[in-house]
Amino acid sequence: MSVGALGAHCVPCGADYPLRDGVLHLTAGKQGAPGYDPHYFATLAEVESRHFWFAARRRLVREAIGRAVPDFGQRRLFDIGCGSGGMLAYLASTGIPLAGACDAYPESLQLVRRRTEAPLVLIDEGRLPPLASGYSLLSLFDVLEHIDADEETLRFLHSILLPGGVLVLTVPAHPFLFDEMDRIAHNRRRYRGAELRDKLRGAGFEIRLLTHFMAALVPSLLVVRSVGRLFAHRLDASARRNTELRVVPFVNGAMSALVALERYFVRWRPLSFGTSILAVARRGDG
């Protein structure tokens, strides 16, 4: 899909949206509460190809799409909240066709443009993207937790999917893990598995897959963040956030091995414990 074709696929129909540097601006100048701190995009782009967390999430998502959406090659993925573009570029490299992507931050789309030629769209923060119906595959990777009206957003995504269309999403798990690191990331919430399942079903979706992941990370995350709070007088929360994103070779290798084992378990049975949740849901009226 070209940028021009994507523009024709937006609402209100016939609106004259500006195209700048290959990015379609579907903005109305109405910004909501901050959903993310854009200065982290450059850090993510630098580390996500090597950091075990991002690598494991990419592989798990790709395997889940392959199992739950066997005709993925005939669907075109539109990614909402594309961040620094690592996930989008990876999925495209594995044979998933792209319809495009959107984000509320120019800093994001500048990075994503270096990784893909797919149509990119700048949208307003805190507002539903002005997209018309007709998508067969949508993704929302660690985005829903940044949105105040998450249930309204899920209903909207259901409405713009074609009958039989599929939504793939990830969110952070377990409210008891919510702390100042989540607040720095502008997370509104962490999800319980049953809560996410209920919200997806309430929006009209059929659940194809719902599993926690990163179970091995829960104990270490609790320890690291507890220690960080003890030494908060020496290192502020933003610095501790940057520390969590640092690639430490030995630790990175050990955690990579642990989460690789986890992927094999998920193939056979969903997990009920982990720092994140992956869901694949289908619009069930087709």
C-alpha atoms as a PDB file:
ATOM      1  CA  MET A   1       0.000   0.000   0.000  1.00  0.00           C
ATOM      2  CA  SER A   2       1.391   3.411  -0.977  1.00  0.00           C
ATOM      3  CA  VAL A   3       1.225   6.480   1.252  1.00  0.00           C
ATOM      4  CA  GLY A   4      -1.317   7.963  -1.130  1.00  0.00           C
ATOM      5  CA  ALA A   5      -3.472   4.861  -0.984  1.00  0.00           C
ATOM      6  CA  LEU A   6      -3.242   4.891   2.792  1.00  0.00           C
ATOM      7  CA  GLY A   7      -4.434   8.490   2.789  1.00  0.00           C
ATOM      8  CA  ALA A   8      -7.501   7.417   0.847  1.00  0.00           C
ATOM      9  CA  HIS A   9      -8.025   4.744   3.488  1.00  0.00           C
ATOM     10  CA  CYS A  10      -8.488   7.283   6.272  1.00  0.00           C
ATOM     11  CA  VAL A  11     -11.424   9.164   7.697  1.00  0.00           C
ATOM     12  CA  PRO A  12     -12.926  11.662   7.278  1.00  0.00           C
ATOM     13  CA  CYS A  13     -13.057  10.618   3.638  1.00  0.00           C
ATOM     14  CA  GLY A  14     -11.647  13.133   1.202  1.00  0.00           C
ATOM     15  CA  ALA A  15      -9.673  15.075   3.816  1.00  0.00           C
ATOM     16  CA  ASP A  16      -6.535  16.703   2.442  1.00  0.00           C
ATOM     17  CA  TYR A  17      -3.766  15.463   4.749  1.00  0.00           C
ATOM     18  CA  PRO A  18      -0.223  16.827   4.286  1.00  0.00           C
ATOM     19  CA  LEU A  19       2.633  14.555   3.233  1.00  0.00           C
ATOM     20  CA  ARG A  20       6.048  15.559   4.605  1.00  0.00           C
ATOM     21  CA  ASP A  21       9.268  13.591   4.198  1.00  0.00           C
ATOM     22  CA  GLY A  22       7.311  10.491   3.253  1.00  0.00           C
ATOM     23  CA  VAL A  23       5.100  10.652   6.358  1.00  0.00           C
ATOM     24  CA  LEU A  24       1.366  11.279   6.137  1.00  0.00           C
ATOM     25  CA  HIS A  25       0.259  13.726   8.855  1.00  0.00           C
ATOM     26  CA  LEU A  26      -3.182  12.709  10.108  1.00  0.00           C
ATOM     27  CA  THR A  27      -3.057  15.213  12.932  1.00  0.00           C
ATOM     28  CA  ALA A  28      -5.587  17.739  14.160  1.00  0.00           C
ATOM     29  CA  GLY A  29      -3.247  19.435  16.627  1.00  0.00           C
ATOM     30  CA  LYS A  30      -5.041  17.979  19.653  1.00  0.00           C
ATOM     31  CA  GLN A  31      -2.550  16.316  21.957  1.00  0.00           C
ATOM     32  CA  GLY A  32      -3.675  14.260  24.942  1.00  0.00           C
ATOM     33  CA  ALA A  33      -1.747  13.334  28.081  1.00  0.00           C
ATOM     34  CA  PRO A  34       1.793  12.105  27.280  1.00  0.00           C
ATOM     35  CA  GLY A  35       1.870   8.412  26.434  1.00  0.00           C
ATOM     36  CA  TYR A  36       5.622   8.077  26.112  1.00  0.00           C
ATOM     37  CA  ASP A  37       8.895   9.964  26.542  1.00  0.00           C
ATOM     38  CA  PRO A  38      10.258  10.255  22.985  1.00  0.00           C
ATOM     39  CA  HIS A  39      13.878  10.628  24.094  1.00  0.00           C
ATOM     40  CA  TYR A  40      13.910   6.850  24.711  1.00  0.00           C
ATOM     41  CA  PHE A  41      13.345   6.051  21.025  1.00  0.00           C
ATOM     42  CA  ALA A  42      17.011   6.560  20.141  1.00  0.00           C
ATOM     43  CA  THR A  43      18.070   4.297  23.018  1.00  0.00           C
ATOM     44  CA  LEU A  44      15.656   1.591  21.923  1.00  0.00           C
ATOM     45  CA  ALA A  45      16.853   1.754  18.324  1.00  0.00           C
ATOM     46  CA  GLU A  46      20.418   1.292  19.563  1.00  0.00           C
ATOM     47  CA  VAL A  47      19.869  -1.680  21.881  1.00  0.00           C
ATOM     48  CA  GLU A  48      16.815  -3.595  20.639  1.00  0.00           C
ATOM     49  CA  SER A  49      18.714  -5.679  18.087  1.00  0.00           C
ATOM     50  CA  ARG A  50      20.906  -7.098  20.914  1.00  0.00           C
ATOM     51  CA  HIS A  51      18.926  -6.848  24.154  1.00  0.00           C
ATOM     52  CA  PHE A  52      17.456 -10.229  25.128  1.00  0.00           C
ATOM     53  CA  TRP A  53      14.026  -8.786  26.000  1.00  0.00           C
ATOM     54  CA  PHE A  54      13.397  -7.293  22.572  1.00  0.00           C
ATOM     55  CA  ALA A  55      14.882 -10.269  20.721  1.00  0.00           C
ATOM     56  CA  ALA A  56      12.756 -12.752  22.692  1.00  0.00           C
ATOM     57  CA  ARG A  57       9.592 -10.725  22.202  1.00  0.00           C
ATOM     58  CA  ARG A  58      10.191 -10.526  18.438  1.00  0.00           C
ATOM     59  CA  ARG A  59      10.626 -14.287  18.109  1.00  0.00           C
ATOM     60  CA  LEU A  60       7.661 -15.107  20.329  1.00  0.00           C
ATOM     61  CA  VAL A  61       5.368 -12.757  18.424  1.00  0.00           C
ATOM     62  CA  ARG A  62       6.503 -14.133  15.065  1.00  0.00           C
ATOM     63  CA  GLU A  63       5.933 -17.728  16.158  1.00  0.00           C
ATOM     64  CA  ALA A  64       2.513 -16.846  17.564  1.00  0.00           C
ATOM     65  CA  ILE A  65       1.463 -15.204  14.298  1.00  0.00           C
ATOM     66  CA  GLY A  66       2.662 -18.225  12.364  1.00  0.00           C
ATOM     67  CA  ARG A  67       0.610 -20.605  14.512  1.00  0.00           C
ATOM     68  CA  ALA A  68      -2.541 -18.536  15.069  1.00  0.00           C
ATOM     69  CA  VAL A  69      -2.711 -16.818  11.665  1.00  0.00           C
ATOM     70  CA  PRO A  70      -1.720 -19.487   9.118  1.00  0.00           C
ATOM     71  CA  ASP A  71      -2.640 -17.258   6.161  1.00  0.00           C
ATOM     72  CA  PHE A  72      -0.504 -14.338   7.382  1.00  0.00           C
ATOM     73  CA  GLY A  73       1.168 -14.146   3.971  1.00  0.00           C
ATOM     74  CA  GLN A  74      -2.147 -13.025   2.462  1.00  0.00           C
ATOM     75  CA  ARG A  75      -2.679 -10.322   5.116  1.00  0.00           C
ATOM     76  CA  ARG A  76      -1.022  -6.907   5.331  1.00  0.00           C
ATOM     77  CA  LEU A  77       0.024  -5.761   8.793  1.00  0.00           C
ATOM     78  CA  PHE A  78      -0.663  -2.248  10.038  1.00  0.00           C
ATOM     79  CA  ASP A  79       1.232  -1.465  13.260  1.00  0.00           C
ATOM     80  CA  ILE A  80      -0.189   1.103  15.671  1.00  0.00           C
ATOM     81  CA  GLY A  81       2.466   2.718  17.860  1.00  0.00           C
ATOM     82  CA  CYS A  82       5.498   1.516  15.911  1.00  0.00           C
ATOM     83  CA  GLY A  83       8.094   2.989  18.292  1.00  0.00           C
ATOM     84  CA  SER A  84      11.625   2.697  16.941  1.00  0.00           C
ATOM     85  CA  GLY A  85      10.558   0.178  14.291  1.00  0.00           C
ATOM     86  CA  GLY A  86      12.523  -2.887  15.368  1.00  0.00           C
ATOM     87  CA  MET A  87       9.516  -5.174  15.605  1.00  0.00           C
ATOM     88  CA  LEU A  88       8.034  -3.900  12.342  1.00  0.00           C
ATOM     89  CA  ALA A  89      11.270  -4.409  10.407  1.00  0.00           C
ATOM     90  CA  TYR A  90      11.759  -7.882  11.896  1.00  0.00           C
ATOM     91  CA  LEU A  91       8.256  -9.073  11.013  1.00  0.00           C
ATOM     92  CA  ALA A  92       8.642  -7.749   7.485  1.00  0.00           C
ATOM     93  CA  SER A  93      11.967  -9.598   7.137  1.00  0.00           C
ATOM     94  CA  THR A  94      10.222 -12.876   8.022  1.00  0.00           C
ATOM     95  CA  GLY A  95       7.643 -12.623   5.233  1.00  0.00           C
ATOM     96  CA  ILE A  96       4.787 -10.642   6.777  1.00  0.00           C
ATOM     97  CA  PRO A  97       3.606  -8.010   4.266  1.00  0.00           C
ATOM     98  CA  LEU A  98       3.210  -4.483   5.608  1.00  0.00           C
ATOM     99  CA  ALA A  99       0.300  -2.110   5.081  1.00  0.00           C
ATOM    100  CA  GLY A 100       1.975   0.638   7.106  1.00  0.00           C
ATOM    101  CA  ALA A 101       2.436   1.972  10.623  1.00  0.00           C
ATOM    102  CA  CYS A 102       1.622   4.990  12.757  1.00  0.00           C
ATOM    103  CA  ASP A 103       2.913   6.744  15.848  1.00  0.00           C
ATOM    104  CA  ALA A 104       2.274   9.996  17.673  1.00  0.00           C
ATOM    105  CA  TYR A 105       5.928  11.076  17.695  1.00  0.00           C
ATOM    106  CA  PRO A 106       8.011  12.395  14.768  1.00  0.00           C
ATOM    107  CA  GLU A 107      11.104  11.037  16.556  1.00  0.00           C
ATOM    108  CA  SER A 108       9.649   7.555  16.184  1.00  0.00           C
ATOM    109  CA  LEU A 109       8.805   7.827  12.509  1.00  0.00           C
ATOM    110  CA  GLN A 110      12.209   9.290  11.626  1.00  0.00           C
ATOM    111  CA  LEU A 111      13.814   6.121  13.013  1.00  0.00           C
ATOM    112  CA  VAL A 112      11.251   3.789  11.458  1.00  0.00           C
ATOM    113  CA  ARG A 113      11.743   5.354   8.016  1.00  0.00           C
ATOM    114  CA  ARG A 114      15.373   4.174   8.093  1.00  0.00           C
ATOM    115  CA  ARG A 115      14.172   0.595   8.569  1.00  0.00           C
ATOM    116  CA  THR A 116      11.239   0.265   6.195  1.00  0.00           C
ATOM    117  CA  GLU A 117       9.703   1.866   3.125  1.00  0.00           C
ATOM    118  CA  ALA A 118       6.185   1.025   4.339  1.00  0.00           C
ATOM    119  CA  PRO A 119       3.724   3.955   4.536  1.00  0.00           C
ATOM    120  CA  LEU A 120       4.087   5.870   7.819  1.00  0.00           C
ATOM    121  CA  VAL A 121       1.495   8.056   9.508  1.00  0.00           C
ATOM    122  CA  LEU A 122       1.820  10.691  12.239  1.00  0.00           C
ATOM    123  CA  ILE A 123      -1.250  10.782  14.485  1.00  0.00           C
ATOM    124  CA  ASP A 124      -2.383  12.818  17.476  1.00  0.00           C
ATOM    125  CA  GLU A 125      -1.519  11.518  20.918  1.00  0.00           C
ATOM    126  CA  GLY A 126      -4.473  10.575  23.085  1.00  0.00           C
ATOM    127  CA  ARG A 127      -6.886  10.272  20.134  1.00  0.00           C
ATOM    128  CA  LEU A 128      -7.951   7.272  18.082  1.00  0.00           C
ATOM    129  CA  PRO A 129      -6.065   7.209  14.758  1.00  0.00           C
ATOM    130  CA  PRO A 130      -8.304   8.367  11.878  1.00  0.00           C
ATOM    131  CA  LEU A 131      -8.246   5.062  10.026  1.00  0.00           C
ATOM    132  CA  ALA A 132     -11.132   3.641   8.042  1.00  0.00           C
ATOM    133  CA  SER A 133     -12.147  -0.003   8.134  1.00  0.00           C
ATOM    134  CA  GLY A 134     -10.634  -2.648   5.927  1.00  0.00           C
ATOM    135  CA  TYR A 135      -7.582  -4.061   7.710  1.00  0.00           C
ATOM    136  CA  SER A 136      -6.915  -7.785   7.960  1.00  0.00           C
ATOM    137  CA  LEU A 137      -4.038  -7.707  10.479  1.00  0.00           C
ATOM    138  CA  LEU A 138      -3.358  -5.075  13.159  1.00  0.00           C
ATOM    139  CA  SER A 139      -0.668  -4.958  15.829  1.00  0.00           C
ATOM    140  CA  LEU A 140      -0.262  -3.057  19.071  1.00  0.00           C
ATOM    141  CA  PHE A 141       3.050  -3.919  20.749  1.00  0.00           C
ATOM    142  CA  ASP A 142       3.350  -2.512  24.282  1.00  0.00           C
ATOM    143  CA  VAL A 143       1.066   0.389  23.428  1.00  0.00           C
ATOM    144  CA  LEU A 144      -2.310  -0.334  25.045  1.00  0.00           C
ATOM    145  CA  GLU A 145      -0.941   0.278  28.547  1.00  0.00           C
ATOM    146  CA  HIS A 146      -0.072   3.863  27.525  1.00  0.00           C
ATOM    147  CA  ILE A 147      -3.670   4.660  26.544  1.00  0.00           C
ATOM    148  CA  ASP A 148      -6.230   6.005  29.014  1.00  0.00           C
ATOM    149  CA  ALA A 149      -9.282   4.620  27.195  1.00  0.00           C
ATOM    150  CA  ASP A 150      -8.039   1.084  26.536  1.00  0.00           C
ATOM    151  CA  GLU A 151     -11.487  -0.510  26.182  1.00  0.00           C
ATOM    152  CA  GLU A 152     -12.638   2.150  23.732  1.00  0.00           C
ATOM    153  CA  THR A 153      -9.436   1.595  21.760  1.00  0.00           C
ATOM    154  CA  LEU A 154     -10.053  -2.159  21.525  1.00  0.00           C
ATOM    155  CA  ARG A 155     -13.612  -1.561  20.317  1.00  0.00           C
ATOM    156  CA  PHE A 156     -12.290   0.830  17.680  1.00  0.00           C
ATOM    157  CA  LEU A 157      -9.677  -1.673  16.485  1.00  0.00           C
ATOM    158  CA  HIS A 158     -12.379  -4.328  16.228  1.00  0.00           C
ATOM    159  CA  SER A 159     -14.469  -1.941  14.123  1.00  0.00           C
ATOM    160  CA  ILE A 160     -11.739  -1.253  11.539  1.00  0.00           C
ATOM    161  CA  LEU A 161     -10.822  -4.911  11.055  1.00  0.00           C
ATOM    162  CA  LEU A 162     -12.384  -6.871   8.237  1.00  0.00           C
ATOM    163  CA  PRO A 163     -14.530  -9.852   9.244  1.00  0.00           C
ATOM    164  CA  GLY A 164     -12.025 -12.502  10.260  1.00  0.00           C
ATOM    165  CA  GLY A 165      -9.357  -9.844  10.814  1.00  0.00           C
ATOM    166  CA  VAL A 166      -6.760 -10.381  13.534  1.00  0.00           C
ATOM    167  CA  LEU A 167      -5.257  -8.188  16.262  1.00  0.00           C
ATOM    168  CA  VAL A 168      -1.862  -9.095  17.769  1.00  0.00           C
ATOM    169  CA  LEU A 169      -0.801  -7.251  20.905  1.00  0.00           C
ATOM    170  CA  THR A 170       1.561  -7.321  23.860  1.00  0.00           C
ATOM    171  CA  VAL A 171       1.168  -5.562  27.223  1.00  0.00           C
ATOM    172  CA  PRO A 172       3.042  -5.556  30.556  1.00  0.00           C
ATOM    173  CA  ALA A 173       1.639  -7.974  33.125  1.00  0.00           C
ATOM    174  CA  HIS A 174       0.879  -8.154  36.848  1.00  0.00           C
ATOM    175  CA  PRO A 175      -0.293  -4.970  38.604  1.00  0.00           C
ATOM    176  CA  PHE A 176       1.885  -5.851  41.624  1.00  0.00           C
ATOM    177  CA  LEU A 177       4.944  -5.075  39.453  1.00  0.00           C
ATOM    178  CA  PHE A 178       3.760  -1.519  38.757  1.00  0.00           C
ATOM    179  CA  ASP A 179       6.220   1.015  40.171  1.00  0.00           C
ATOM    180  CA  GLU A 180       8.085   4.203  39.327  1.00  0.00           C
ATOM    181  CA  MET A 181       9.651   2.570  36.248  1.00  0.00           C
ATOM    182  CA  ASP A 182       6.158   2.209  34.807  1.00  0.00           C
ATOM    183  CA  ARG A 183       5.377   5.815  35.661  1.00  0.00           C
ATOM    184  CA  ILE A 184       8.544   6.963  33.871  1.00  0.00           C
ATOM    185  CA  ALA A 185       7.418   4.970  30.835  1.00  0.00           C
ATOM    186  CA  HIS A 186       3.979   6.672  31.109  1.00  0.00           C
ATOM    187  CA  ASN A 187       2.275   3.313  31.597  1.00  0.00           C
ATOM    188  CA  ARG A 188      -1.276   3.735  32.851  1.00  0.00           C
ATOM    189  CA  ARG A 189      -1.519   0.147  34.054  1.00  0.00           C
ATOM    190  CA  ARG A 190      -0.238  -3.425  34.005  1.00  0.00           C
ATOM    191  CA  TYR A 191      -2.691  -6.166  33.086  1.00  0.00           C
ATOM    192  CA  ARG A 192      -3.869  -9.382  34.635  1.00  0.00           C
ATOM    193  CA  GLY A 193      -4.399 -12.131  32.088  1.00  0.00           C
ATOM    194  CA  ALA A 194      -8.099 -12.474  32.911  1.00  0.00           C
ATOM    195  CA  GLU A 195      -8.539  -8.708  32.694  1.00  0.00           C
ATOM    196  CA  LEU A 196      -7.065  -8.511  29.194  1.00  0.00           C
ATOM    197  CA  ARG A 197      -9.118 -11.522  28.097  1.00  0.00           C
ATOM    198  CA  ASP A 198     -12.318  -9.888  29.363  1.00  0.00           C
ATOM    199  CA  LYS A 199     -11.550  -6.580  27.686  1.00  0.00           C
ATOM    200  CA  LEU A 200     -10.817  -8.239  24.347  1.00  0.00           C
ATOM    201  CA  ARG A 201     -14.011 -10.285  24.524  1.00  0.00           C
ATOM    202  CA  GLY A 202     -15.958  -7.198  25.612  1.00  0.00           C
ATOM    203  CA  ALA A 203     -14.756  -5.469  22.448  1.00  0.00           C
ATOM    204  CA  GLY A 204     -16.080  -8.365  20.358  1.00  0.00           C
ATOM    205  CA  PHE A 205     -12.913 -10.386  19.809  1.00  0.00           C
ATOM    206  CA  GLU A 206     -12.457 -14.143  19.867  1.00  0.00           C
ATOM    207  CA  ILE A 207      -9.233 -15.139  21.670  1.00  0.00           C
ATOM    208  CA  ARG A 208      -6.917 -17.277  19.559  1.00  0.00           C
ATOM    209  CA  LEU A 209      -3.964 -17.143  21.970  1.00  0.00           C
ATOM    210  CA  LEU A 210      -3.292 -15.474  25.303  1.00  0.00           C
ATOM    211  CA  THR A 211      -0.132 -16.236  27.228  1.00  0.00           C
ATOM    212  CA  HIS A 212       2.245 -14.577  29.653  1.00  0.00           C
ATOM    213  CA  PHE A 213       5.930 -14.512  28.765  1.00  0.00           C
ATOM    214  CA  MET A 214       9.221 -13.481  30.378  1.00  0.00           C
ATOM    215  CA  ALA A 215       8.425 -15.601  33.452  1.00  0.00           C
ATOM    216  CA  ALA A 216      12.156 -15.941  34.214  1.00  0.00           C
ATOM    217  CA  LEU A 217      12.398 -12.172  34.455  1.00  0.00           C
ATOM    218  CA  VAL A 218       9.913 -11.712  37.316  1.00  0.00           C
ATOM    219  CA  PRO A 219      12.246 -12.602  40.252  1.00  0.00           C
ATOM    220  CA  SER A 220      15.177 -10.620  38.879  1.00  0.00           C
ATOM    221  CA  LEU A 221      12.944  -7.644  38.089  1.00  0.00           C
ATOM    222  CA  LEU A 222      11.660  -7.592  41.650  1.00  0.00           C
ATOM    223  CA  VAL A 223      15.217  -7.726  43.007  1.00  0.00           C
ATOM    224  CA  VAL A 224      16.653  -5.119  40.639  1.00  0.00           C
ATOM    225  CA  ARG A 225      13.859  -2.644  41.238  1.00  0.00           C
ATOM    226  CA  SER A 226      13.887  -3.184  45.008  1.00  0.00           C
ATOM    227  CA  VAL A 227      17.638  -2.573  45.146  1.00  0.00           C
ATOM    228  CA  GLY A 228      17.191   0.435  42.894  1.00  0.00           C
ATOM    229  CA  ARG A 229      14.706   1.968  45.297  1.00  0.00           C
ATOM    230  CA  LEU A 230      17.097   1.395  48.223  1.00  0.00           C
ATOM    231  CA  PHE A 231      19.766   3.386  46.417  1.00  0.00           C
ATOM    232  CA  ALA A 232      17.402   5.941  44.918  1.00  0.00           C
ATOM    233  CA  HIS A 233      19.314   8.717  46.680  1.00  0.00           C
ATOM    234  CA  ARG A 234      22.359   7.849  44.549  1.00  0.00           C
ATOM    235  CA  LEU A 235      20.654   7.113  41.244  1.00  0.00           C
ATOM    236  CA  ASP A 236      17.417   8.737  40.142  1.00  0.00           C
ATOM    237  CA  ALA A 237      14.617   6.750  38.521  1.00  0.00           C
ATOM    238  CA  SER A 238      15.453   7.857  34.963  1.00  0.00           C
ATOM    239  CA  ALA A 239      19.032   6.661  35.370  1.00  0.00           C
ATOM    240  CA  ARG A 240      17.774   3.325  36.702  1.00  0.00           C
ATOM    241  CA  ARG A 241      15.466   3.063  33.680  1.00  0.00           C
ATOM    242  CA  ASN A 242      18.473   3.510  31.397  1.00  0.00           C
ATOM    243  CA  THR A 243      20.329   0.831  33.381  1.00  0.00           C
ATOM    244  CA  GLU A 244      17.546  -1.677  32.682  1.00  0.00           C
ATOM    245  CA  LEU A 245      17.947  -1.012  28.951  1.00  0.00           C
ATOM    246  CA  ARG A 246      21.709  -1.565  29.028  1.00  0.00           C
ATOM    247  CA  VAL A 247      23.078  -4.671  27.319  1.00  0.00           C
ATOM    248  CA  VAL A 248      25.358  -6.509  29.798  1.00  0.00           C
ATOM    249  CA  PRO A 249      26.947  -9.406  27.847  1.00  0.00           C
ATOM    250  CA  PHE A 250      26.923 -12.183  30.482  1.00  0.00           C
ATOM    251  CA  VAL A 251      23.490 -11.290  31.856  1.00  0.00           C
ATOM    252  CA  ASN A 252      22.120 -10.800  28.362  1.00  0.00           C
ATOM    253  CA  GLY A 253      23.368 -14.225  27.259  1.00  0.00           C
ATOM    254  CA  ALA A 254      22.017 -16.013  30.333  1.00  0.00           C
ATOM    255  CA  MET A 255      18.584 -14.406  30.047  1.00  0.00           C
ATOM    256  CA  SER A 256      18.485 -15.131  26.314  1.00  0.00           C
ATOM    257  CA  ALA A 257      18.953 -18.828  27.041  1.00  0.00           C
ATOM    258  CA  LEU A 258      16.218 -18.842  29.699  1.00  0.00           C
ATOM    259  CA  VAL A 259      13.615 -17.080  27.585  1.00  0.00           C
ATOM    260  CA  ALA A 260      14.470 -19.290  24.599  1.00  0.00           C
ATOM    261  CA  LEU A 261      13.417 -22.300  26.695  1.00  0.00           C
ATOM    262  CA  GLU A 262      10.237 -20.458  27.592  1.00  0.00           C
ATOM    263  CA  ARG A 263       9.263 -20.166  23.913  1.00  0.00           C
ATOM    264  CA  TYR A 264       9.216 -23.953  23.629  1.00  0.00           C
ATOM    265  CA  PHE A 265       6.819 -24.236  26.577  1.00  0.00           C
ATOM    266  CA  VAL A 266       4.504 -21.619  25.084  1.00  0.00           C
ATOM    267  CA  ARG A 267       4.203 -23.715  21.918  1.00  0.00           C
ATOM    268  CA  TRP A 268       2.456 -26.389  23.961  1.00  0.00           C
ATOM    269  CA  ARG A 269       0.705 -24.521  26.715  1.00  0.00           C
ATOM    270  CA  PRO A 270       0.046 -20.855  27.549  1.00  0.00           C
ATOM    271  CA  LEU A 271       1.853 -19.512  30.599  1.00  0.00           C
ATOM    272  CA  SER A 272       0.005 -17.827  33.453  1.00  0.00           C
ATOM    273  CA  PHE A 273       3.001 -15.984  34.860  1.00  0.00           C
ATOM    274  CA  GLY A 274       5.485 -13.521  33.361  1.00  0.00           C
ATOM    275  CA  THR A 275       6.267  -9.827  33.083  1.00  0.00           C
ATOM    276  CA  SER A 276       4.326  -9.489  29.809  1.00  0.00           C
ATOM    277  CA  ILE A 277       1.279 -10.878  28.001  1.00  0.00           C
ATOM    278  CA  LEU A 278       0.886 -11.742  24.335  1.00  0.00           C
ATOM    279  CA  ALA A 279      -2.592 -12.011  22.807  1.00  0.00           C
ATOM    280  CA  VAL A 280      -3.823 -12.906  19.337  1.00  0.00           C
ATOM    281  CA  ALA A 281      -7.517 -12.100  18.869  1.00  0.00           C
ATOM    282  CA  ARG A 282      -9.858 -12.372  15.894  1.00  0.00           C
ATOM    283  CA  ARG A 283     -12.870 -10.385  14.807  1.00  0.00           C
ATOM    284  CA  GLY A 284     -15.396 -13.156  14.988  1.00  0.00           C
ATOM    285  CA  ASP A 285     -18.038 -12.182  12.478  1.00  0.00           C
ATOM    286  CA  GLY A 286     -16.429 -13.616   9.417  1.00  0.00           C
END
